[in-house]
Amino acid sequence: GPTAYEELLSREDLDAVYIALPTRLHLRWAILALRAGKHVLLEKPAVVNAKEAQELASAAQSSGRVVFEAAHYRFHPAALRAKQLMSGLELESIDARFVMLDPKAWLAETFSMAQEDRSHERLKNLDRWWYCADALLWASEASHARVISAREGRFSMAADLELQVSGRTIRASIDMARDRLLEPFAWNLAACAGNSSHGCGASVKLSNFGFPFLWHALDFQLGAAPQREHLYGKGETTFEHQLGV
């Protein structure tokens, strides 16, 4: 019914809630949950802009409860191993790509869209963009990020950045697209160290970092010979790993 969510938040036998509503509704219901004394697991992206993020952080601090963004991929063994390998390198660059062909997006190029539809599609872009931005900052443990340039299309977003990592400035890039017919899928996180005219002196690349439990490949070269690892564990999903922490 129309008051179901309010009734749920009023229950005293609940300690936490998972909010997977459309992104534009996250802030409202997360704050209501915090005021009701619940911890919040909030689907990503948590909010739609920096102003909402500040408001949410303030509400969490005031409530004494935890808000946790559902960055599920971080907890998979493949992602943790990739981050471990990267942490042992003096990185020169790190790049994140998420290309997944969306037939609706590709076909929509030939049609006009209402403003409401354009806003909805932009939020879908933001969802995929989030994976790239979060992966860069998490894997590199960057203390600061500066956007050098950014480009946004109807169904694509890209940016070049500088990250501060262990007191050094490294290059980073993000590439997200939903309308590339000739490149239907790529979901990669790649880092390079010891750049030279011959390429990377050392490198780490995790393919399909978002859903590694379905398939992934962790390729790295720290010495003379390239290596590849697969870390599926017992087949647990990223969501199971996250909830198990």
Protein backbone atom coordinates (compact mmCIF):
# COMPACT_ATOMS: atom_id res chain seq x y z
CA GLY A 1 0.00 0.00 0.00
CA PRO A 2 0.95 3.69 -0.11
CA THR A 3 2.39 3.63 3.44
CA ALA A 4 4.27 0.32 3.16
CA TYR A 5 7.74 1.87 3.29
CA GLU A 6 6.91 4.04 6.29
CA GLU A 7 5.47 1.00 8.07
CA LEU A 8 8.61 -0.97 7.30
CA LEU A 9 10.86 1.73 8.75
CA SER A 10 8.78 1.88 11.92
CA ARG A 11 9.41 -1.78 12.73
CA GLU A 12 11.55 -2.29 15.80
CA ASP A 13 12.76 -5.74 14.74
CA LEU A 14 14.74 -4.31 11.80
CA ASP A 15 18.29 -3.04 12.21
CA ALA A 16 19.06 -2.22 8.58
CA VAL A 17 17.42 -1.73 5.19
CA TYR A 18 18.57 -2.13 1.60
CA ILE A 19 17.35 0.67 -0.68
CA ALA A 20 17.28 -0.22 -4.39
CA LEU A 21 14.81 2.40 -5.57
CA PRO A 22 15.50 4.63 -8.60
CA THR A 23 18.48 6.88 -7.87
CA ARG A 24 16.42 10.07 -7.67
CA LEU A 25 14.55 8.60 -4.66
CA HIS A 26 17.62 7.44 -2.74
CA LEU A 27 18.24 10.56 -0.68
CA ARG A 28 14.69 10.88 0.60
CA TRP A 29 14.33 7.28 1.74
CA ALA A 30 17.86 6.96 3.05
CA ILE A 31 17.36 9.97 5.31
CA LEU A 32 14.00 8.64 6.49
CA ALA A 33 15.63 5.29 7.27
CA LEU A 34 18.44 6.95 9.21
CA ARG A 35 15.97 9.01 11.21
CA ALA A 36 14.15 5.77 12.01
CA GLY A 37 17.38 4.39 13.46
CA LYS A 38 18.23 1.99 10.62
CA HIS A 39 21.56 1.33 9.00
CA VAL A 40 21.34 1.70 5.23
CA LEU A 41 22.78 -0.35 2.38
CA LEU A 42 22.19 2.00 -0.52
CA GLU A 43 22.25 0.89 -4.14
CA LYS A 44 24.76 2.69 -6.30
CA PRO A 45 25.04 5.38 -7.35
CA ALA A 46 24.07 6.53 -3.88
CA VAL A 47 22.83 9.98 -4.97
CA VAL A 48 22.69 12.11 -8.08
CA ASN A 49 25.08 14.96 -7.21
CA ALA A 50 27.58 16.34 -4.69
CA LYS A 51 24.97 18.39 -2.83
CA GLU A 52 22.91 15.28 -2.11
CA ALA A 53 26.05 13.41 -1.06
CA GLN A 54 26.86 16.08 1.51
CA GLU A 55 23.29 16.04 2.81
CA LEU A 56 23.34 12.25 3.13
CA ALA A 57 26.72 12.25 4.92
CA SER A 58 25.43 14.86 7.37
CA ALA A 59 22.28 12.83 8.05
CA ALA A 60 24.32 9.68 8.67
CA GLN A 61 26.63 11.47 11.07
CA SER A 62 23.72 12.97 12.98
CA SER A 63 21.92 9.63 13.26
CA GLY A 64 24.92 7.61 14.40
CA ARG A 65 24.04 4.99 11.81
CA VAL A 66 26.01 3.64 8.85
CA VAL A 67 25.28 4.33 5.19
CA PHE A 68 27.06 1.89 2.92
CA GLU A 69 27.05 2.22 -0.85
CA ALA A 70 26.52 -1.13 -2.59
CA ALA A 71 29.92 -1.33 -4.30
CA HIS A 72 29.51 -5.09 -4.53
CA TYR A 73 32.31 -5.78 -7.02
CA ARG A 74 34.98 -4.63 -4.52
CA PHE A 75 34.51 -7.71 -2.36
CA HIS A 76 35.10 -10.36 -4.99
CA PRO A 77 38.46 -12.20 -4.71
CA ALA A 78 39.42 -11.18 -8.27
CA ALA A 79 38.96 -7.46 -7.52
CA LEU A 80 40.80 -7.73 -4.22
CA ARG A 81 43.68 -9.54 -5.90
CA ALA A 82 43.86 -6.93 -8.67
CA LYS A 83 44.01 -4.15 -6.09
CA GLN A 84 46.70 -6.03 -4.17
CA LEU A 85 48.83 -6.33 -7.30
CA MET A 86 48.35 -2.64 -8.14
CA SER A 87 49.31 -1.58 -4.62
CA GLY A 88 52.73 -3.12 -5.12
CA LEU A 89 53.45 -0.97 -8.18
CA GLU A 90 54.47 2.65 -8.58
CA LEU A 91 51.59 3.39 -10.92
CA GLU A 92 51.93 5.69 -13.89
CA SER A 93 48.36 5.33 -15.14
CA ILE A 94 45.07 3.59 -14.46
CA ASP A 95 42.09 3.29 -16.79
CA ALA A 96 38.52 2.05 -16.41
CA ARG A 97 36.22 1.12 -19.29
CA PHE A 98 32.60 0.00 -19.28
CA VAL A 99 31.14 -0.54 -22.73
CA MET A 100 27.91 -2.51 -22.96
CA LEU A 101 25.70 -2.26 -26.01
CA ASP A 102 22.17 -1.24 -25.10
CA PRO A 103 19.93 -1.90 -28.13
CA LYS A 104 17.47 0.73 -26.93
CA ALA A 105 20.22 3.33 -26.78
CA TRP A 106 21.59 2.38 -30.19
CA LEU A 107 18.15 2.48 -31.85
CA ALA A 108 17.22 5.70 -30.08
CA GLU A 109 19.92 7.53 -32.02
CA THR A 110 17.49 7.68 -34.92
CA PHE A 111 14.55 8.95 -32.83
CA SER A 112 13.85 12.06 -30.82
CA MET A 113 13.35 11.67 -27.07
CA ALA A 114 11.15 13.52 -24.61
CA GLN A 115 12.94 15.44 -21.84
CA GLU A 116 11.82 12.90 -19.22
CA ASP A 117 13.25 10.05 -21.31
CA ARG A 118 16.53 11.92 -21.76
CA SER A 119 16.79 12.44 -17.99
CA HIS A 120 16.12 8.74 -17.40
CA GLU A 121 18.76 7.71 -19.92
CA ARG A 122 21.27 10.06 -18.33
CA LEU A 123 20.73 8.36 -14.98
CA LYS A 124 21.39 5.03 -16.68
CA ASN A 125 24.63 6.53 -18.01
CA LEU A 126 25.48 7.65 -14.48
CA ASP A 127 24.96 4.13 -13.15
CA ARG A 128 27.54 2.72 -15.54
CA TRP A 129 29.85 5.71 -15.12
CA TRP A 130 29.83 5.08 -11.38
CA TYR A 131 31.52 1.69 -11.81
CA CYS A 132 34.43 3.31 -13.64
CA ALA A 133 34.89 6.25 -11.28
CA ASP A 134 34.58 4.11 -8.18
CA ALA A 135 36.99 1.47 -9.49
CA LEU A 136 39.66 4.09 -10.27
CA LEU A 137 39.50 5.68 -6.83
CA TRP A 138 39.19 2.41 -4.91
CA ALA A 139 41.89 0.43 -6.70
CA SER A 140 44.43 3.26 -6.71
CA GLU A 141 43.54 4.53 -3.21
CA ALA A 142 43.74 8.03 -4.63
CA SER A 143 43.54 10.85 -2.10
CA HIS A 144 42.39 13.41 -4.66
CA ALA A 145 41.12 13.51 -8.23
CA ARG A 146 41.16 16.35 -10.74
CA VAL A 147 39.22 16.26 -13.99
CA ILE A 148 41.36 17.46 -16.90
CA SER A 149 38.69 17.06 -19.58
CA ALA A 150 35.29 15.43 -19.89
CA ARG A 151 32.99 14.58 -22.76
CA GLU A 152 29.36 13.53 -22.65
CA GLY A 153 27.25 12.11 -25.45
CA ARG A 154 23.69 10.92 -25.43
CA PHE A 155 24.73 7.43 -24.36
CA SER A 156 28.42 7.85 -23.53
CA MET A 157 30.68 9.63 -21.08
CA ALA A 158 34.46 9.92 -20.99
CA ALA A 159 37.04 11.81 -18.95
CA ASP A 160 40.75 12.28 -18.47
CA LEU A 161 41.89 12.81 -14.90
CA GLU A 162 44.87 13.27 -12.64
CA LEU A 163 44.91 11.28 -9.39
CA GLN A 164 47.04 11.88 -6.33
CA VAL A 165 48.39 8.50 -5.24
CA SER A 166 50.97 8.23 -2.43
CA GLY A 167 52.07 11.81 -3.02
CA ARG A 168 52.46 11.31 -6.77
CA THR A 169 50.34 12.45 -9.70
CA ILE A 170 49.23 9.69 -12.07
CA ARG A 171 47.14 9.74 -15.23
CA ALA A 172 43.68 8.18 -15.27
CA SER A 173 40.85 7.84 -17.76
CA ILE A 174 37.24 6.73 -17.86
CA ASP A 175 35.39 5.49 -20.93
CA MET A 176 31.70 4.52 -20.74
CA ALA A 177 29.42 3.85 -23.70
CA ARG A 178 26.11 2.12 -24.38
CA ASP A 179 25.87 2.61 -28.14
CA ARG A 180 29.00 1.11 -29.74
CA LEU A 181 27.79 -1.47 -32.20
CA LEU A 182 31.31 -2.59 -33.11
CA GLU A 183 32.38 -2.95 -29.48
CA PRO A 184 29.41 -4.52 -27.67
CA PHE A 185 31.15 -5.32 -24.37
CA ALA A 186 34.20 -4.29 -22.34
CA TRP A 187 34.34 -3.94 -18.56
CA ASN A 188 38.01 -3.53 -17.73
CA LEU A 189 40.24 -2.00 -15.10
CA ALA A 190 43.88 -1.66 -16.18
CA ALA A 191 46.96 -0.15 -14.55
CA CYS A 192 50.45 0.50 -15.87
CA ALA A 193 53.77 1.15 -14.15
CA GLY A 194 57.20 1.95 -15.51
CA ASN A 195 56.02 3.48 -18.78
CA SER A 196 58.58 3.52 -21.57
CA SER A 197 58.70 3.75 -25.34
CA HIS A 198 58.18 -0.02 -25.36
CA GLY A 199 55.02 0.12 -23.23
CA CYS A 200 54.41 -0.75 -19.59
CA GLY A 201 57.25 -2.09 -17.50
CA ALA A 202 54.60 -3.75 -15.32
CA SER A 203 50.86 -4.02 -15.80
CA VAL A 204 47.67 -5.34 -14.22
CA LYS A 205 44.34 -5.79 -16.02
CA LEU A 206 41.10 -7.21 -14.67
CA SER A 207 38.53 -7.98 -17.35
CA ASN A 208 34.86 -7.93 -16.35
CA PHE A 209 35.56 -6.36 -12.98
CA GLY A 210 31.87 -5.58 -12.38
CA PHE A 211 30.49 -9.13 -12.52
CA PRO A 212 33.60 -11.32 -12.13
CA PHE A 213 31.61 -14.24 -10.74
CA LEU A 214 30.17 -14.80 -14.23
CA TRP A 215 33.55 -14.65 -15.96
CA HIS A 216 36.78 -12.76 -15.52
CA ALA A 217 40.46 -12.78 -16.35
CA LEU A 218 43.19 -11.19 -14.24
CA ASP A 219 46.21 -10.60 -16.45
CA PHE A 220 49.40 -9.16 -15.05
CA GLN A 221 53.07 -8.84 -15.87
CA LEU A 222 55.39 -7.94 -13.04
CA GLY A 223 58.50 -9.57 -14.45
CA ALA A 224 59.53 -11.15 -17.71
CA ALA A 225 56.58 -13.51 -18.14
CA PRO A 226 52.91 -12.52 -18.34
CA GLN A 227 50.56 -14.35 -15.99
CA ARG A 228 46.82 -14.98 -15.78
CA GLU A 229 44.68 -15.88 -12.79
CA HIS A 230 41.04 -16.80 -12.25
CA LEU A 231 39.63 -16.52 -8.74
CA TYR A 232 36.10 -17.85 -8.53
CA GLY A 233 36.24 -19.31 -5.02
CA LYS A 234 33.13 -21.42 -4.52
CA GLY A 235 31.24 -19.47 -7.15
CA GLU A 236 29.78 -16.87 -4.81
CA THR A 237 28.41 -13.72 -6.44
CA THR A 238 29.83 -10.30 -5.68
CA PHE A 239 26.64 -9.60 -3.73
CA GLU A 240 27.19 -12.62 -1.50
CA HIS A 241 30.77 -11.56 -0.85
CA GLN A 242 29.58 -8.06 0.07
CA LEU A 243 26.95 -9.28 2.50
CA GLY A 244 29.46 -11.65 4.06
CA VAL A 245 31.80 -8.86 5.13
